[in-house]
């Protein structure tokens, strides 16, 4: 199998995982919406109304290798049920995620010799490091569009000093992931 086929298989395998992950999250969302007691959901309303707190949690999750799936925050963005408010939050979440990737890239680029980076690498990034050696910048596209940890890949890419311009351009595909996920979640909300 040549390199191009190998990359295509890798991309399609991870894209399929991403679509399955999105389907599972959407199914859980629809199930919860129709089967969980509304009183229980209303108990969380005081937390859901703290927009700054939610955006801070999302920001930290995205910077720290994507602990919480972005789709959870897209679902949170539905709370008003008004399309233009939802779109505003989708844009904000997308910009936060993209910026977190930039922060991770520069962290990797300039702080890759620190103990913190070595800990993160050994604990969370070593598998992705092997993928980076095999797939190069192509891994950025995969991480931006699939469940492969986006910030983790950005950190690795920065640590090996890939050109900033190339990283910035390839990582713009993160906007596509958020657009598709947001559309699917909005449509699922109508069910």
Protein backbone atom coordinates (compact mmCIF):
# COMPACT_ATOMS: atom_id res chain seq x y z
CA UNK A 1 0.00 0.00 0.00
CA UNK A 2 1.48 3.34 -0.99
CA UNK A 3 1.64 6.37 1.28
CA UNK A 4 -1.41 8.07 -0.27
CA UNK A 5 -3.59 4.98 0.17
CA UNK A 6 -2.31 4.55 3.69
CA UNK A 7 -3.26 8.15 4.53
CA UNK A 8 -6.70 7.73 2.96
CA UNK A 9 -7.39 4.58 4.97
CA UNK A 10 -6.23 6.31 8.15
CA UNK A 11 -8.42 9.32 7.41
CA UNK A 12 -11.51 7.27 6.52
CA UNK A 13 -11.11 5.02 9.56
CA UNK A 14 -10.92 8.04 11.89
CA UNK A 15 -13.68 9.91 10.06
CA UNK A 16 -15.91 6.86 10.52
CA UNK A 17 -15.05 6.83 14.24
CA UNK A 18 -15.92 10.53 14.40
CA UNK A 19 -19.28 10.00 12.70
CA UNK A 20 -20.08 7.07 14.98
CA UNK A 21 -19.10 9.21 18.00
CA UNK A 22 -21.34 12.04 16.78
CA UNK A 23 -24.21 9.58 16.22
CA UNK A 24 -23.82 8.18 19.75
CA UNK A 25 -23.80 11.65 21.31
CA UNK A 26 -26.83 12.73 19.26
CA UNK A 27 -28.70 9.52 20.13
CA UNK A 28 -27.97 10.06 23.84
CA UNK A 29 -29.11 13.68 23.50
CA UNK A 30 -32.40 12.73 21.81
CA UNK A 31 -32.98 9.88 24.28
CA UNK A 32 -32.33 12.18 27.25
CA UNK A 33 -34.54 14.90 25.79
CA UNK A 34 -37.50 12.54 25.49
CA UNK A 35 -36.98 10.14 28.39
CA UNK A 36 -35.34 11.94 31.31
CA UNK A 37 -37.54 13.70 33.82
CA UNK A 38 -37.65 17.43 33.05
CA UNK A 39 -37.38 18.18 36.77
CA UNK A 40 -33.97 16.51 36.86
CA UNK A 41 -32.76 18.54 33.88
CA UNK A 42 -34.07 21.76 35.47
CA UNK A 43 -31.82 21.14 38.48
CA UNK A 44 -28.83 21.82 36.24
CA UNK A 45 -30.29 25.08 34.93
CA UNK A 46 -28.34 27.29 37.41
CA UNK A 47 -25.09 25.87 36.01
CA UNK A 48 -26.25 26.02 32.37
CA UNK A 49 -27.10 29.70 32.78
CA UNK A 50 -23.52 30.57 33.75
CA UNK A 51 -22.29 31.18 30.22
CA UNK A 52 -18.85 32.46 31.22
CA UNK A 53 -18.28 29.39 33.41
CA UNK A 54 -19.36 27.02 30.62
CA UNK A 55 -17.13 28.77 28.08
CA UNK A 56 -14.24 28.68 30.56
CA UNK A 57 -14.74 24.93 31.10
CA UNK A 58 -14.83 24.42 27.33
CA UNK A 59 -11.68 26.49 26.88
CA UNK A 60 -9.79 24.52 29.51
CA UNK A 61 -11.01 21.24 28.04
CA UNK A 62 -9.85 22.22 24.57
CA UNK A 63 -6.44 23.44 25.76
CA UNK A 64 -5.95 20.34 27.92
CA UNK A 65 -6.17 17.83 25.07
CA UNK A 66 -9.97 17.85 24.64
CA UNK A 67 -11.18 16.20 27.83
CA UNK A 68 -14.87 16.92 27.14
CA UNK A 69 -16.19 16.38 23.60
CA UNK A 70 -17.09 19.67 21.87
CA UNK A 71 -20.48 18.20 20.92
CA UNK A 72 -21.53 18.40 24.58
CA UNK A 73 -21.04 22.17 24.45
CA UNK A 74 -22.86 22.40 21.12
CA UNK A 75 -25.81 20.71 22.80
CA UNK A 76 -25.55 23.20 25.68
CA UNK A 77 -25.73 25.98 23.05
CA UNK A 78 -29.24 24.82 22.11
CA UNK A 79 -30.75 25.90 25.41
CA UNK A 80 -32.52 28.98 24.02
CA UNK A 81 -33.82 27.16 20.95
CA UNK A 82 -33.27 30.31 18.87
CA UNK A 83 -31.22 29.70 15.73
CA UNK A 84 -29.23 32.95 15.69
CA UNK A 85 -28.24 32.51 19.37
CA UNK A 86 -27.23 28.91 18.65
CA UNK A 87 -25.13 30.03 15.68
CA UNK A 88 -23.46 32.71 17.78
CA UNK A 89 -22.43 30.12 20.38
CA UNK A 90 -21.29 27.71 17.66
CA UNK A 91 -19.03 30.43 16.26
CA UNK A 92 -17.69 31.26 19.73
CA UNK A 93 -17.03 27.59 20.51
CA UNK A 94 -15.33 27.08 17.15
CA UNK A 95 -13.07 30.09 17.68
CA UNK A 96 -12.20 28.90 21.18
CA UNK A 97 -11.32 25.44 19.86
CA UNK A 98 -9.22 26.84 17.02
CA UNK A 99 -7.45 29.24 19.40
CA UNK A 100 -6.82 26.39 21.85
CA UNK A 101 -5.12 24.53 19.01
CA UNK A 102 -2.92 27.55 18.35
CA UNK A 103 -2.04 27.81 22.04
CA UNK A 104 -1.19 24.10 22.10
CA UNK A 105 0.91 24.47 18.94
CA UNK A 106 2.97 27.29 20.46
CA UNK A 107 3.19 25.46 23.78
CA UNK A 108 4.69 22.50 21.95
CA UNK A 109 6.95 24.70 19.85
CA UNK A 110 8.46 26.72 22.68
CA UNK A 111 7.98 24.59 25.79
CA UNK A 112 8.69 21.09 24.48
CA UNK A 113 11.76 20.82 26.71
CA UNK A 114 9.78 21.34 29.93
CA UNK A 115 8.83 18.70 32.45
CA UNK A 116 5.12 19.46 31.87
CA UNK A 117 5.42 18.78 28.15
CA UNK A 118 7.36 15.54 28.77
CA UNK A 119 4.65 14.43 31.21
CA UNK A 120 1.87 15.20 28.72
CA UNK A 121 3.81 13.51 25.94
CA UNK A 122 4.49 10.34 27.93
CA UNK A 123 0.99 10.18 29.42
CA UNK A 124 -1.25 11.27 26.51
CA UNK A 125 0.63 12.05 23.33
CA UNK A 126 2.99 9.15 22.67
CA UNK A 127 0.50 7.30 20.43
CA UNK A 128 -0.14 10.46 18.40
CA UNK A 129 3.62 11.03 18.13
CA UNK A 130 3.93 7.77 16.23
CA UNK A 131 1.07 8.84 13.97
CA UNK A 132 2.76 12.20 13.38
CA UNK A 133 5.91 10.48 12.18
CA UNK A 134 3.86 8.27 9.87
CA UNK A 135 1.37 10.83 8.51
CA UNK A 136 2.99 14.24 9.02
CA UNK A 137 0.83 17.31 8.57
CA UNK A 138 -1.97 15.08 7.32
CA UNK A 139 -2.53 14.21 10.98
CA UNK A 140 -3.62 17.83 11.61
CA UNK A 141 -6.51 17.39 9.18
CA UNK A 142 -7.50 14.13 10.82
CA UNK A 143 -7.33 15.64 14.33
CA UNK A 144 -9.30 18.72 13.27
CA UNK A 145 -12.14 16.63 11.84
CA UNK A 146 -12.24 13.51 14.01
CA UNK A 147 -12.02 12.40 17.66
CA UNK A 148 -8.20 12.32 17.50
CA UNK A 149 -7.23 14.91 20.17
CA UNK A 150 -6.85 18.20 18.28
CA UNK A 151 -4.84 20.10 20.90
CA UNK A 152 -2.61 17.12 21.54
CA UNK A 153 -1.75 16.87 17.86
CA UNK A 154 -1.24 20.64 17.70
CA UNK A 155 1.20 20.37 20.61
CA UNK A 156 3.13 17.60 18.88
CA UNK A 157 3.22 19.46 15.59
CA UNK A 158 4.57 22.53 17.38
CA UNK A 159 7.18 20.48 19.23
CA UNK A 160 8.73 19.27 15.98
CA UNK A 161 8.68 22.81 14.57
CA UNK A 162 6.35 22.25 11.64
CA UNK A 163 5.87 25.57 9.85
CA UNK A 164 3.29 27.81 11.52
CA UNK A 165 1.69 28.73 8.18
CA UNK A 166 1.08 25.10 7.28
CA UNK A 167 -0.35 24.34 10.72
CA UNK A 168 -2.67 27.37 10.60
CA UNK A 169 -3.99 26.45 7.14
CA UNK A 170 -4.53 22.75 7.81
CA UNK A 171 -6.15 23.39 11.18
CA UNK A 172 -8.79 25.64 9.60
CA UNK A 173 -10.60 22.40 8.84
CA UNK A 174 -11.65 22.53 12.52
CA UNK A 175 -14.33 24.99 11.39
CA UNK A 176 -15.80 22.30 9.11
CA UNK A 177 -16.05 19.82 11.99
CA UNK A 178 -17.94 22.32 14.12
CA UNK A 179 -20.23 23.32 11.23
CA UNK A 180 -21.20 19.71 10.48
CA UNK A 181 -21.61 18.77 14.14
CA UNK A 182 -23.64 21.90 14.86
CA UNK A 183 -25.94 21.23 11.91
CA UNK A 184 -26.53 17.60 12.94
CA UNK A 185 -27.19 18.59 16.56
CA UNK A 186 -29.58 21.38 15.52
CA UNK A 187 -31.53 18.96 13.34
CA UNK A 188 -31.56 16.32 16.12
CA UNK A 189 -33.02 18.92 18.45
CA UNK A 190 -36.04 19.13 16.14
CA UNK A 191 -36.83 15.43 16.64
